[in-house]
Structure formats: structure tokens, C-alpha cells
């Protein structure tokens, strides 16, 4: 006669088919986090259910004991796979092959050794009744195994619950299905172990797994579990270059991304819970903004560590419902490079539209004057006047070339290269020779001194050499170049014996812009300043008793 337990046993054995089918479908997403443990979990659930089903179908004692022993192996593997599934799914990354988590699989192997070699430690007594139902009193090792399994199940449920609370949309549905699918058999197993089920010796856990299988299948096919893994909000925020800080309605920091932690040089534990006024202490302009209003879209300037930084500041309210404000989100974008770029483009405009226009107009007037003189003085010495016309024409052409170089520097990338300083100076000198009268250059620096700068560094040095020899007041012009190299910086000095740089031009270079009252004719010096600053260095000008001194400070190359 076919008994109800036999029907139940056969039904549980047949769960192998849908479970293996679901595992096959899930395995198609093998590269996704959580997939392999989902497959192991489903296969182990099928193993648990089918071995329990066999123990019900087979009435003989020995085969039943074998099925029971194997069932406890699958019990351990199910809980391990569940925990590792939660770990990968929630963290959104696969566990590395050498991870210590894989040592968890040593437990089921050891447990199997105990069950087969010392069953008395698992069951104080056991027997199979006349209808094939296994009966036993649990021993000490059973409770060790139960504690191990329950700890992993609870840890996995906690991970999924936390993910569910922070998830939205399809991710929330996926997580909810996984959580419910594990919670139901977990409760059923607790009831069985506690002996408070309608049939104390009949384990309801495999029956609960039928619900688990249905929920997981629904999540797999309806919500495309494992195929669609929405990117976590925290992951997105931490990969943003903008600094993002969230304040609650009491103006305390409640969330912060990686960029903000780096900007404010704090840890997340130190930041969360800090009053906004204290947290933004180095940004007083921000404190004024977020304390006065809930919506801000502006730019602020902050002086930190001796440098000026520019930020685009956005403050938006976090609302619950239509009107209740629960906090604010503050986004800081560093626009310092953009500001520098704007200043450089403005400088280009000034150089091209004011400096060149001013000087070219004057020079062309001189050319016109000399040309008029030649036309008028036909009986004089036209060669001298023609020579002056040629000199002025050369000046115009030289300034035009330098202006073109300025534009090229401004519109190119700031990709620095390594220069051997001796070779850069030699190239600069060769650029100047032939265009001016004979001159000498004295070099005093280490032969192996190397610097990091734009590829146009020799152009800057050539302009300094040219400036030194053209304005010299001696019969044999001399440019004296020296360099001091320390661990991180190279300081280059170019000295001459001329009259020095006019005070009006020095003010222009110090201020960084042209004004109607302070025009600079030194296009070459503008070019020097531009190349050095875009190389990450600095320039200073000085007049002393012997002439002018120009100092360049650049990063030393390794």
C-alpha cells in the first residue's frame, strides 16, 4: 500500500529536475557576483530535499541511515552557499579564490567524518519505524552543526535585509525575493529542531524549500535575478569625482562619499555625526551658505595650505513627501583648473588684443615715419633709414611669432616631459644665435640636472637669453645661467648686465594681467611666465645693481 510519506518522498526526489533546470539557467550568468553560489545553493537544496525524500521512500534501516548522513552534508553546504551568495550579491564583487571564506567548506567534510565514524555524537539513539520515517534523539555534535548553520543563515539574512533597506526598484524586488526564500525554510527548520511541528519527526524544511524554489524561480525569470545587477548607490557616489556630503535636519553629517573624505582629510567614522559647522570649518564660505538657505548654486573660493581653490557649490534639499525637508545634499566640484584655464584664455585675449595691438600700432607708426623720411630725403643716405625699417619689421615679426607660440602653449595639453637642463640650455642658445649680435653664455650647474616641464621649456629659456643679450649695455653681451638642484626642485637663474626690467613691466607680471596704465612690451617674458606656470613651476623677476635676475622654479625629474 502506498503511504502518504511515500508520496511525499517521491515528490521531494523529483524536485531535482526543476532545481537543476534553474541552476542551469542561472549558470549562464557565470561572470556575475553571486551566480556561482546561487547555483551551489540551489543544487544543495535539491540534494537536501532528494536525500530526505529517499529516506522516506526506502523503508530499510541501512539505506535510510545513508540518506540521512548525506542530508546533513547538503545542510551544511546550503548554509555556506547562502552566506557566500549574500556576501557577493550585496558587495557586488566576486570573492577571490584565495579568500579565507573558502575554509568554511572544511566544516561539512569534518562533520561527515563525525557522522560516519562516530554517529553517537550526532544522535544518542536512532531508528527507522515501520513506515520508513527516521526517528532520533540529537547528540552534542548535532547542536554544534546547527549552531554553525544558523549563524551563517542569520548572517546572510542580515546582509540581505540591510541591502533591501537601501535598495530601490528592481534591486529591491530581487533582494526581497531572496530574503523571503531563505527565511521560510529557516523558520521551518527551527520549528522542527524545537519539536513543535504537528509531526515532530517529520522535517518540514524540504517542504518549505518548495516555496523557496518557487520564489527564486520568480526572481530569476520575472526580475532577471543575477542578469540585472543594479549599481549600488554607494558605489556610484564613491566613484564620483565631486565631493558629496549629506546633512540631516539638525545639520549633522549622515553620509559622505570617498571624494569628500579625501577633500576634508577625514575618515568616515570621524565624519558621520559631526555638526556641519565643525565639519566645514576650513570652508567658512560654505558654512554661511548652508546655514542661511536650503538651495544654493554658486561658486566659492577657499584658501587652504597656502593655495587658493575654487569650487562650484550646490546645496539641494532632501524632502520627505512634498514639503517636509529632512536634510540637505551638498555637492562640491573643484573648478580650480577651469578657473586657471579661463585666466589663461583671458591672458591670451589680452596679449593678442591689447599688448600686440598696442605695440604693433606704435611700431608700424615708426615704420611709416621712416618710410616717409626715405621718400622725402631722396638725396640723403637711404640705407641707414632702410636698416631701421628692417629692424622694426623684424621686431614685428618676432613678436608675432612669440604670440603664435603663446597661443600654441595655451591650446595644448599640459603634458610634461623630462628635460636634461644642459641640453635644454644648449638648444635655447642655438635658437638665439644668428638673430642677435655675438654674445657669450656662462653656465653653472650640475651636468645631470633634469627637470619636468612642457616640451616648450627651451623656448622659454631662449627668450630669457635673448632678453639678456639684447638689452646688454656692454660691448660683449653675456647671459649667466645657473641652476640649484635639491631633492624635489630645480631653481634656474638667468642674469644679465643690462639696465633691468622696467618697473611698469614687473608690475604687469606680478599682477598677471594687463591694464590700460601698465602695458608690457615684453611678449617674450609673457611667454616665459606662461610656459613655466603651465609646467607647474613659478617665475620671479628682480633687478639688482648688476642688471636683472629671472628665477624659474621647476619640479626635479627622478
Protein backbone atom coordinates (compact mmCIF):
# COMPACT_ATOMS: atom_id res chain seq x y z
CA UNK A 1 0.00 0.00 0.00
CA UNK A 2 1.29 3.43 -0.96
CA UNK A 3 1.52 5.68 2.09
CA UNK A 4 1.41 9.46 2.27
CA UNK A 5 5.08 9.56 3.33
CA UNK A 6 5.98 7.62 0.18
CA UNK A 7 4.17 10.15 -1.99
CA UNK A 8 5.92 12.98 -0.16
CA UNK A 9 9.25 11.23 -0.60
CA UNK A 10 8.80 10.79 -4.34
CA UNK A 11 7.71 14.43 -4.69
CA UNK A 12 10.82 15.62 -2.87
CA UNK A 13 13.10 13.47 -5.04
CA UNK A 14 11.54 14.89 -8.21
CA UNK A 15 12.44 18.43 -7.10
CA UNK A 16 15.86 17.62 -8.55
CA UNK A 17 14.53 18.34 -12.06
CA UNK A 18 13.28 21.95 -11.63
CA UNK A 19 16.17 22.75 -9.28
CA UNK A 20 18.81 21.59 -11.76
CA UNK A 21 16.99 23.45 -14.56
CA UNK A 22 17.03 26.65 -12.52
CA UNK A 23 20.72 26.12 -11.70
CA UNK A 24 21.47 25.70 -15.41
CA UNK A 25 19.69 28.96 -16.29
CA UNK A 26 21.46 30.85 -13.50
CA UNK A 27 24.85 29.45 -14.58
CA UNK A 28 24.55 31.34 -17.86
CA UNK A 29 25.44 34.47 -15.87
CA UNK A 30 28.60 32.85 -14.52
CA UNK A 31 30.62 36.05 -14.50
CA UNK A 32 28.20 37.97 -12.28
CA UNK A 33 28.73 38.28 -8.50
CA UNK A 34 26.70 35.70 -6.58
CA UNK A 35 25.95 33.44 -9.55
CA UNK A 36 28.18 30.51 -8.61
CA UNK A 37 26.89 30.46 -5.01
CA UNK A 38 23.29 30.69 -6.23
CA UNK A 39 23.96 27.59 -8.34
CA UNK A 40 25.61 25.77 -5.41
CA UNK A 41 22.74 26.79 -3.12
CA UNK A 42 20.03 25.55 -5.48
CA UNK A 43 21.85 22.26 -6.16
CA UNK A 44 22.42 21.71 -2.43
CA UNK A 45 18.76 22.41 -1.68
CA UNK A 46 17.90 19.79 -4.30
CA UNK A 47 20.37 17.41 -2.63
CA UNK A 48 18.88 18.06 0.80
CA UNK A 49 15.31 17.54 -0.41
CA UNK A 50 16.05 14.47 -2.53
CA UNK A 51 18.07 12.66 0.18
CA UNK A 52 15.29 13.35 2.67
CA UNK A 53 12.79 12.07 0.11
CA UNK A 54 14.84 8.89 -0.34
CA UNK A 55 14.91 8.35 3.43
CA UNK A 56 11.08 8.42 3.37
CA UNK A 57 10.69 6.15 0.36
CA UNK A 58 13.18 3.49 1.47
CA UNK A 59 11.95 1.50 4.46
CA UNK A 60 15.17 -0.42 5.15
CA UNK A 61 17.28 0.87 8.04
CA UNK A 62 20.76 0.92 6.44
CA UNK A 63 19.81 2.86 3.26
CA UNK A 64 17.82 5.30 5.36
CA UNK A 65 20.83 5.97 7.59
CA UNK A 66 22.98 6.60 4.49
CA UNK A 67 20.41 9.08 3.11
CA UNK A 68 20.21 10.86 6.48
CA UNK A 69 24.01 11.18 6.72
CA UNK A 70 24.22 12.63 3.20
CA UNK A 71 21.37 15.01 4.01
CA UNK A 72 23.44 16.61 6.76
CA UNK A 73 26.25 17.19 4.28
CA UNK A 74 23.89 19.10 2.00
CA UNK A 75 22.56 21.00 5.04
CA UNK A 76 26.00 22.41 5.74
CA UNK A 77 26.69 23.24 2.08
CA UNK A 78 23.32 25.01 1.72
CA UNK A 79 24.04 27.37 4.59
CA UNK A 80 27.60 28.09 3.43
CA UNK A 81 26.44 28.78 -0.13
CA UNK A 82 23.66 31.02 1.21
CA UNK A 83 26.10 33.14 3.20
CA UNK A 84 28.61 33.44 0.30
CA UNK A 85 25.75 34.29 -2.06
CA UNK A 86 24.71 37.13 0.26
CA UNK A 87 28.31 38.30 0.58
CA UNK A 88 28.91 38.53 -3.18
CA UNK A 89 25.45 39.81 -4.05
CA UNK A 90 25.46 42.62 -1.51
CA UNK A 91 29.09 43.64 -2.04
CA UNK A 92 28.68 43.34 -5.83
CA UNK A 93 32.04 41.66 -6.34
CA UNK A 94 33.22 38.08 -6.52
CA UNK A 95 35.11 36.51 -3.64
CA UNK A 96 38.74 35.90 -4.57
CA UNK A 97 39.91 32.31 -4.96
CA UNK A 98 42.33 32.59 -2.05
CA UNK A 99 39.79 34.13 0.32
CA UNK A 100 39.63 32.72 3.84
CA UNK A 101 35.88 32.26 3.41
CA UNK A 102 36.55 29.06 1.46
CA UNK A 103 37.77 27.48 4.68
CA UNK A 104 34.10 27.23 5.66
CA UNK A 105 33.86 24.14 3.45
CA UNK A 106 36.20 22.30 5.80
CA UNK A 107 33.32 22.07 8.32
CA UNK A 108 30.96 19.83 6.30
CA UNK A 109 33.85 17.49 5.49
CA UNK A 110 34.79 17.20 9.16
CA UNK A 111 31.14 16.88 10.13
CA UNK A 112 30.71 14.00 7.68
CA UNK A 113 33.65 12.25 9.29
CA UNK A 114 31.96 12.61 12.69
CA UNK A 115 28.58 11.37 11.39
CA UNK A 116 30.02 8.29 9.67
CA UNK A 117 32.69 7.37 12.22
CA UNK A 118 31.02 8.48 15.45
CA UNK A 119 27.25 8.68 14.91
CA UNK A 120 26.71 8.50 18.67
CA UNK A 121 27.96 12.11 18.88
CA UNK A 122 25.24 13.20 16.46
CA UNK A 123 22.35 11.01 17.64
CA UNK A 124 22.10 9.48 21.10
CA UNK A 125 19.85 6.89 19.52
CA UNK A 126 18.16 6.45 16.12
CA UNK A 127 15.82 4.04 14.37
CA UNK A 128 13.50 3.73 11.36
CA UNK A 129 9.88 2.90 12.04
CA UNK A 130 7.67 0.55 10.07
CA UNK A 131 6.62 3.19 7.50
CA UNK A 132 10.18 4.39 6.84
CA UNK A 133 10.26 7.56 9.00
CA UNK A 134 13.60 8.26 10.66
CA UNK A 135 13.49 8.93 14.43
CA UNK A 136 16.38 10.15 16.60
CA UNK A 137 17.44 11.96 19.73
CA UNK A 138 20.01 14.62 18.94
CA UNK A 139 23.54 14.42 20.36
CA UNK A 140 26.07 17.20 21.10
CA UNK A 141 27.56 17.37 17.58
CA UNK A 142 24.12 17.94 16.08
CA UNK A 143 23.80 21.16 18.05
CA UNK A 144 27.31 22.23 17.05
CA UNK A 145 26.32 21.70 13.43
CA UNK A 146 23.02 23.53 13.96
CA UNK A 147 24.80 26.49 15.57
CA UNK A 148 27.24 26.67 12.65
CA UNK A 149 24.43 26.57 10.08
CA UNK A 150 22.16 29.01 11.91
CA UNK A 151 24.98 31.53 12.31
CA UNK A 152 25.61 31.53 8.55
CA UNK A 153 21.90 31.79 7.74
CA UNK A 154 21.38 34.71 10.14
CA UNK A 155 24.47 36.49 8.78
CA UNK A 156 23.20 36.09 5.21
CA UNK A 157 19.72 37.31 6.15
CA UNK A 158 21.22 40.36 7.88
CA UNK A 159 23.22 41.24 4.75
CA UNK A 160 20.16 40.94 2.53
CA UNK A 161 17.98 42.89 4.97
CA UNK A 162 20.44 45.78 5.02
CA UNK A 163 20.63 45.72 1.23
CA UNK A 164 16.84 45.65 0.98
CA UNK A 165 16.50 48.74 3.18
CA UNK A 166 18.83 50.73 0.90
CA UNK A 167 17.71 49.27 -2.45
CA UNK A 168 15.19 50.69 -4.88
CA UNK A 169 13.27 49.45 -7.90
CA UNK A 170 14.13 46.06 -9.35
CA UNK A 171 17.04 45.62 -6.95
CA UNK A 172 14.63 45.85 -4.01
CA UNK A 173 12.36 43.21 -5.57
CA UNK A 174 15.29 40.86 -6.20
CA UNK A 175 16.60 41.22 -2.67
CA UNK A 176 13.14 40.77 -1.16
CA UNK A 177 12.64 37.50 -3.05
CA UNK A 178 16.00 36.15 -1.88
CA UNK A 179 15.35 37.18 1.71
CA UNK A 180 11.88 35.61 1.85
CA UNK A 181 13.06 32.49 0.04
CA UNK A 182 15.63 31.80 2.75
CA UNK A 183 13.60 32.96 5.74
CA UNK A 184 10.74 30.48 5.20
CA UNK A 185 12.80 27.23 5.37
CA UNK A 186 14.92 28.72 8.18
CA UNK A 187 11.81 29.17 10.34
CA UNK A 188 10.57 25.71 9.36
CA UNK A 189 13.86 24.14 10.42
CA UNK A 190 13.85 25.93 13.77
CA UNK A 191 10.34 24.57 14.43
CA UNK A 192 11.49 21.05 13.50
CA UNK A 193 14.56 21.12 15.73
CA UNK A 194 12.46 22.54 18.58
CA UNK A 195 9.94 19.71 18.09
CA UNK A 196 6.88 21.95 17.90
CA UNK A 197 5.60 20.89 14.47
CA UNK A 198 2.36 18.85 14.03
CA UNK A 199 4.53 15.82 13.21
CA UNK A 200 7.67 16.17 15.36
CA UNK A 201 9.68 13.52 13.50
CA UNK A 202 8.78 14.84 10.05
CA UNK A 203 11.19 17.57 8.87
CA UNK A 204 9.19 20.34 7.20
CA UNK A 205 12.30 22.13 5.89
CA UNK A 206 12.35 20.32 2.49
CA UNK A 207 8.67 21.22 2.06
CA UNK A 208 9.50 24.85 2.77
CA UNK A 209 12.20 24.61 0.11
CA UNK A 210 9.43 24.13 -2.42
CA UNK A 211 8.33 27.70 -1.64
CA UNK A 212 11.96 28.81 -1.81
CA UNK A 213 12.35 27.27 -5.26
CA UNK A 214 9.20 28.99 -6.48
CA UNK A 215 10.32 32.39 -5.16
CA UNK A 216 13.81 32.05 -6.59
CA UNK A 217 12.42 30.96 -9.96
CA UNK A 218 10.11 34.00 -9.95
CA UNK A 219 13.03 36.28 -9.14
CA UNK A 220 15.18 34.62 -11.81
CA UNK A 221 12.68 34.88 -14.65
CA UNK A 222 10.47 37.81 -13.67
CA UNK A 223 13.05 40.16 -12.15
CA UNK A 224 16.06 38.78 -14.07
CA UNK A 225 17.96 37.92 -10.91
CA UNK A 226 21.75 37.74 -11.46
CA UNK A 227 21.33 39.05 -15.02
CA UNK A 228 20.49 42.60 -13.93
CA UNK A 229 22.61 43.79 -11.04
CA UNK A 230 21.81 47.47 -10.50
CA UNK A 231 24.81 49.53 -9.44
CA UNK A 232 24.76 50.40 -5.76
CA UNK A 233 24.12 54.00 -4.76
CA UNK A 234 27.18 53.92 -2.51
CA UNK A 235 29.33 52.60 -5.34
CA UNK A 236 28.17 55.38 -7.65
CA UNK A 237 28.79 58.05 -5.03
CA UNK A 238 32.27 56.74 -4.19
CA UNK A 239 33.26 56.76 -7.85
CA UNK A 240 32.16 60.37 -8.33
CA UNK A 241 34.93 62.96 -8.56
CA UNK A 242 32.67 65.52 -6.90
CA UNK A 243 32.61 65.65 -3.10
CA UNK A 244 29.13 64.78 -1.78
CA UNK A 245 28.06 65.32 1.85
CA UNK A 246 24.55 64.73 3.23
CA UNK A 247 23.30 66.60 6.30
CA UNK A 248 20.21 65.75 8.33
CA UNK A 249 17.67 68.31 9.53
CA UNK A 250 19.93 69.07 12.52
CA UNK A 251 22.82 69.90 10.15
CA UNK A 252 24.83 66.81 11.13
CA UNK A 253 26.79 64.77 8.59
CA UNK A 254 24.93 61.50 7.92
CA UNK A 255 26.56 60.36 4.67
CA UNK A 256 29.76 61.18 2.77
CA UNK A 257 31.44 59.82 -0.33
CA UNK A 258 35.10 58.94 -0.95
CA UNK A 259 35.90 62.21 -2.75
CA UNK A 260 34.64 64.25 0.23
CA UNK A 261 36.66 62.10 2.66
CA UNK A 262 39.79 62.86 0.64
CA UNK A 263 38.99 66.56 0.29
CA UNK A 264 38.40 67.09 4.00
CA UNK A 265 41.07 64.55 5.03
CA UNK A 266 38.86 62.61 7.46
CA UNK A 267 37.67 59.04 7.93
CA UNK A 268 34.02 58.10 7.52
CA UNK A 269 33.72 57.20 11.20
CA UNK A 270 35.02 60.63 12.24
CA UNK A 271 32.84 62.48 9.73
CA UNK A 272 29.43 60.90 10.35
CA UNK A 273 27.62 62.61 13.21
CA UNK A 274 29.81 65.74 13.13
CA UNK A 275 27.91 69.07 13.12
CA UNK A 276 28.12 70.74 9.72
CA UNK A 277 29.62 73.94 11.14
CA UNK A 278 32.52 71.94 12.59
CA UNK A 279 32.94 69.69 9.58
CA UNK A 280 33.18 72.61 7.13
CA UNK A 281 35.36 74.64 9.47
CA UNK A 282 38.02 75.24 6.78
CA UNK A 283 35.29 76.38 4.37
CA UNK A 284 33.68 79.38 6.11
CA UNK A 285 32.03 80.44 2.86
CA UNK A 286 30.17 77.12 2.85
CA UNK A 287 29.01 77.48 6.44
CA UNK A 288 27.46 80.83 5.55
CA UNK A 289 25.69 79.25 2.57
CA UNK A 290 24.16 76.13 4.14
CA UNK A 291 23.13 77.90 7.35
CA UNK A 292 21.25 80.62 5.50
CA UNK A 293 19.29 78.64 2.89
CA UNK A 294 18.41 75.15 1.68
CA UNK A 295 19.03 75.72 -2.05
CA UNK A 296 22.37 77.06 -3.32
CA UNK A 297 24.06 77.07 -6.72
CA UNK A 298 27.15 79.26 -6.64
CA UNK A 299 30.95 79.36 -6.65
CA UNK A 300 33.13 79.81 -3.58
CA UNK A 301 36.82 80.46 -3.06
CA UNK A 302 38.78 78.67 -0.34
CA UNK A 303 42.35 79.26 0.80
CA UNK A 304 43.93 76.01 2.01
CA UNK A 305 47.57 75.25 2.75
CA UNK A 306 48.73 78.43 1.08
CA UNK A 307 46.80 77.79 -2.15
CA UNK A 308 43.56 79.20 -3.48
CA UNK A 309 40.94 76.69 -4.63
CA UNK A 310 37.72 77.42 -6.46
CA UNK A 311 34.64 75.22 -6.00
CA UNK A 312 31.22 75.08 -7.59
CA UNK A 313 28.83 74.60 -4.66
CA UNK A 314 25.37 73.06 -4.95
CA UNK A 315 23.05 72.54 -1.99
CA UNK A 316 19.75 70.74 -2.53
CA UNK A 317 17.05 69.78 0.00
CA UNK A 318 16.22 66.16 0.80
CA UNK A 319 12.44 66.03 1.05
CA UNK A 320 10.01 63.53 2.52
CA UNK A 321 6.77 63.98 0.69
CA UNK A 322 6.04 67.31 -0.92
CA UNK A 323 7.13 69.79 1.72
CA UNK A 324 8.93 68.20 4.69
CA UNK A 325 12.69 68.81 4.46
CA UNK A 326 14.67 66.01 6.14
CA UNK A 327 18.13 67.26 5.25
CA UNK A 328 20.36 68.61 2.52
CA UNK A 329 22.80 67.24 -0.03
CA UNK A 330 25.95 69.32 -0.56
CA UNK A 331 27.97 68.80 -3.74
CA UNK A 332 31.40 70.39 -4.19
CA UNK A 333 33.14 70.36 -7.55
CA UNK A 334 36.72 71.59 -7.73
CA UNK A 335 36.82 74.06 -10.65
CA UNK A 336 40.29 75.42 -9.90
CA UNK A 337 41.73 74.05 -13.15
CA UNK A 338 38.79 75.52 -15.06
CA UNK A 339 39.43 78.90 -13.44
CA UNK A 340 43.11 78.67 -14.34
CA UNK A 341 42.16 77.82 -17.90
CA UNK A 342 39.79 80.77 -18.06
CA UNK A 343 42.53 83.04 -16.75
CA UNK A 344 44.95 81.71 -19.38
CA UNK A 345 42.46 82.26 -22.17
CA UNK A 346 41.80 85.74 -20.85
CA UNK A 347 45.54 86.31 -20.88
CA UNK A 348 45.67 85.18 -24.49
CA UNK A 349 42.95 87.64 -25.34
CA UNK A 350 44.83 90.42 -23.57
CA UNK A 351 48.11 89.58 -25.26
CA UNK A 352 46.59 89.39 -28.70
CA UNK A 353 44.10 92.26 -28.47
CA UNK A 354 45.94 94.73 -26.22
CA UNK A 355 49.67 94.05 -25.98
CA UNK A 356 50.19 93.23 -29.64
CA UNK A 357 47.73 95.82 -30.82
CA UNK A 358 49.42 98.49 -28.74
CA UNK A 359 52.96 97.62 -29.79
CA UNK A 360 52.25 96.81 -33.41
CA UNK A 361 50.40 100.10 -33.83
CA UNK A 362 53.35 102.04 -32.43
CA UNK A 363 55.92 100.04 -34.40
CA UNK A 364 54.01 100.40 -37.64
CA UNK A 365 53.83 104.16 -36.98
CA UNK A 366 57.61 104.22 -36.71
CA UNK A 367 57.92 102.22 -39.92
CA UNK A 368 55.62 104.69 -41.65
CA UNK A 369 57.71 107.56 -40.32
CA UNK A 370 60.95 106.14 -41.63
CA UNK A 371 59.35 105.34 -44.94
CA UNK A 372 58.15 108.92 -45.17
CA UNK A 373 61.68 110.11 -44.41
CA UNK A 374 63.09 107.96 -47.20
CA UNK A 375 60.54 109.36 -49.62
CA UNK A 376 61.28 112.90 -48.54
CA UNK A 377 65.05 112.68 -48.31
CA UNK A 378 65.85 111.24 -51.66
CA UNK A 379 69.29 112.84 -51.67
CA UNK A 380 70.30 111.58 -48.20
CA UNK A 381 71.55 108.18 -47.03
CA UNK A 382 68.54 105.92 -47.57
CA UNK A 383 70.46 102.81 -46.48
CA UNK A 384 70.54 103.79 -42.79
CA UNK A 385 66.87 104.57 -42.75
CA UNK A 386 66.08 101.38 -44.61
CA UNK A 387 68.06 99.47 -42.00
CA UNK A 388 65.94 100.90 -39.23
CA UNK A 389 62.83 99.98 -41.17
CA UNK A 390 64.19 96.44 -41.41
CA UNK A 391 64.88 96.33 -37.66
CA UNK A 392 61.35 97.36 -36.81
CA UNK A 393 59.91 94.90 -39.29
CA UNK A 394 61.98 92.17 -37.63
CA UNK A 395 60.64 93.20 -34.23
CA UNK A 396 57.08 92.94 -35.50
CA UNK A 397 57.74 89.52 -37.00
CA UNK A 398 59.41 88.34 -33.77
CA UNK A 399 56.51 89.46 -31.62
CA UNK A 400 54.08 87.81 -33.98
CA UNK A 401 55.99 84.53 -33.70
CA UNK A 402 56.03 84.76 -29.93
CA UNK A 403 52.32 85.49 -29.85
CA UNK A 404 51.75 82.43 -32.01
CA UNK A 405 53.81 80.36 -29.57
CA UNK A 406 51.74 81.69 -26.65
CA UNK A 407 48.56 80.63 -28.40
CA UNK A 408 50.03 77.19 -29.11
CA UNK A 409 51.02 76.74 -25.47
CA UNK A 410 47.60 77.81 -24.23
CA UNK A 411 45.71 75.48 -26.54
CA UNK A 412 47.89 72.40 -26.00
CA UNK A 413 47.74 69.80 -23.21
CA UNK A 414 49.77 70.31 -20.05
CA UNK A 415 51.72 67.09 -20.67
CA UNK A 416 55.10 67.49 -19.03
CA UNK A 417 58.26 65.73 -20.23
CA UNK A 418 61.72 65.26 -18.75
CA UNK A 419 64.44 67.71 -19.88
CA UNK A 420 68.17 67.44 -19.38
CA UNK A 421 68.88 71.03 -18.31
CA UNK A 422 72.23 71.24 -20.11
CA UNK A 423 70.64 70.11 -23.37
CA UNK A 424 67.70 72.48 -22.93
CA UNK A 425 70.04 75.45 -22.39
CA UNK A 426 72.16 74.48 -25.43
CA UNK A 427 69.01 74.32 -27.57
CA UNK A 428 67.92 77.71 -26.24
CA UNK A 429 71.28 79.30 -27.05
CA UNK A 430 71.21 77.89 -30.58
CA UNK A 431 67.77 79.42 -31.08
CA UNK A 432 69.15 82.86 -30.26
CA UNK A 433 72.44 82.70 -32.17
CA UNK A 434 72.25 84.23 -35.61
CA UNK A 435 69.38 86.53 -34.73
CA UNK A 436 71.37 88.88 -32.46
CA UNK A 437 74.96 90.11 -32.23
CA UNK A 438 77.65 87.75 -30.88
CA UNK A 439 77.29 87.01 -27.17
CA UNK A 440 78.53 84.60 -24.54
CA UNK A 441 76.70 82.33 -22.14
CA UNK A 442 78.11 81.20 -18.81
CA UNK A 443 76.55 78.02 -17.38
CA UNK A 444 76.93 76.93 -13.76
CA UNK A 445 75.00 73.83 -12.77
CA UNK A 446 75.31 70.06 -12.47
CA UNK A 447 75.55 68.31 -15.79
CA UNK A 448 72.97 65.68 -14.83
CA UNK A 449 70.32 68.10 -13.58
CA UNK A 450 66.92 67.10 -15.02
CA UNK A 451 63.57 68.88 -14.78
CA UNK A 452 59.90 68.19 -15.55
CA UNK A 453 58.33 70.81 -17.80
CA UNK A 454 56.40 71.38 -21.00
CA UNK A 455 58.20 70.46 -24.24
CA UNK A 456 58.49 74.21 -24.92
CA UNK A 457 60.89 74.82 -21.98
CA UNK A 458 63.81 75.57 -24.40
CA UNK A 459 61.63 78.29 -25.97
CA UNK A 460 61.23 79.94 -22.55
CA UNK A 461 64.97 79.75 -21.86
CA UNK A 462 65.73 81.15 -25.34
CA UNK A 463 63.53 84.17 -24.62
CA UNK A 464 65.42 84.80 -21.36
CA UNK A 465 68.79 84.52 -23.11
CA UNK A 466 67.57 86.83 -25.88
CA UNK A 467 66.26 89.33 -23.35
CA UNK A 468 69.60 89.27 -21.53
CA UNK A 469 71.84 89.85 -24.56
CA UNK A 470 69.60 92.29 -26.47
CA UNK A 471 69.39 94.70 -23.55
CA UNK A 472 73.02 94.38 -22.52
CA UNK A 473 74.98 97.61 -22.09
CA UNK A 474 78.43 96.09 -22.72
CA UNK A 475 80.32 95.52 -25.95
CA UNK A 476 80.18 91.75 -25.48
CA UNK A 477 76.77 90.78 -24.07
CA UNK A 478 76.75 87.93 -21.58
CA UNK A 479 73.95 85.80 -20.14
CA UNK A 480 74.79 83.96 -16.94
CA UNK A 481 72.71 80.83 -16.30
CA UNK A 482 72.94 78.88 -13.06
CA UNK A 483 70.87 76.12 -11.52
CA UNK A 484 70.47 74.79 -7.99
CA UNK A 485 69.12 71.25 -7.70
CA UNK A 486 67.69 69.89 -4.48
CA UNK A 487 65.69 66.73 -3.80
CA UNK A 488 62.43 67.96 -5.37
CA UNK A 489 63.00 71.34 -7.03
CA UNK A 490 65.32 72.89 -9.59
CA UNK A 491 65.84 76.66 -9.37
CA UNK A 492 67.20 78.25 -12.56
CA UNK A 493 68.60 81.82 -12.57
CA UNK A 494 69.26 83.88 -15.69
CA UNK A 495 71.26 87.05 -15.03
CA UNK A 496 72.35 89.86 -17.32
CA UNK A 497 74.25 93.14 -17.06
CA UNK A 498 71.59 95.31 -18.67
CA UNK A 499 69.50 98.16 -17.27
CA UNK A 500 66.99 95.78 -15.67
CA UNK A 501 63.35 95.15 -16.44
CA UNK A 502 61.22 98.32 -16.31
CA UNK A 503 59.18 98.67 -13.14
CA UNK A 504 55.94 99.01 -15.13
CA UNK A 505 56.52 95.64 -16.77
CA UNK A 506 57.37 94.00 -13.45
CA UNK A 507 54.00 95.14 -12.05
CA UNK A 508 52.23 93.63 -15.04
CA UNK A 509 53.86 90.23 -14.50
CA UNK A 510 53.21 90.31 -10.74
CA UNK A 511 49.54 91.20 -11.23
CA UNK A 512 49.09 88.65 -14.00
CA UNK A 513 47.09 90.95 -16.27
CA UNK A 514 47.39 94.00 -18.49
CA UNK A 515 45.81 97.32 -17.52
CA UNK A 516 45.41 100.46 -19.59
CA UNK A 517 48.09 102.16 -17.45
CA UNK A 518 50.57 99.28 -17.45
CA UNK A 519 51.28 97.90 -20.92
CA UNK A 520 54.08 95.39 -21.29
CA UNK A 521 56.12 95.21 -24.46
CA UNK A 522 57.78 92.02 -23.18
CA UNK A 523 55.84 89.40 -25.13
CA UNK A 524 58.81 87.05 -24.69
CA UNK A 525 58.61 87.40 -20.92
CA UNK A 526 54.87 86.72 -21.05
CA UNK A 527 55.74 83.54 -22.91
CA UNK A 528 58.29 82.57 -20.24
CA UNK A 529 55.74 83.08 -17.46
CA UNK A 530 53.11 81.06 -19.30
CA UNK A 531 55.34 78.06 -20.09
CA UNK A 532 56.77 77.85 -16.57
CA UNK A 533 53.43 78.16 -14.78
CA UNK A 534 51.79 75.58 -17.03
CA UNK A 535 54.75 73.33 -16.23
CA UNK A 536 53.74 73.50 -12.57
CA UNK A 537 56.52 75.96 -11.68
CA UNK A 538 56.88 79.59 -10.69
CA UNK A 539 58.68 82.67 -12.02
CA UNK A 540 60.10 85.70 -10.21
CA UNK A 541 61.77 88.85 -11.54
CA UNK A 542 64.30 91.03 -9.75
CA UNK A 543 66.52 93.98 -10.57
CA UNK A 544 69.82 94.37 -8.75
CA UNK A 545 72.91 96.57 -9.09
CA UNK A 546 74.32 94.48 -11.97
CA UNK A 547 71.16 94.05 -14.03
CA UNK A 548 68.10 91.83 -13.99
CA UNK A 549 67.60 88.35 -12.49
CA UNK A 550 64.89 85.94 -13.59
CA UNK A 551 64.32 82.84 -11.41
CA UNK A 552 62.46 79.77 -12.56
CA UNK A 553 61.40 77.07 -10.11
CA UNK A 554 60.51 73.68 -11.60
CA UNK A 555 60.00 70.13 -10.38
CA UNK A 556 63.08 67.97 -10.50
CA UNK A 557 62.81 64.77 -12.52
CA UNK A 558 63.75 61.44 -10.99
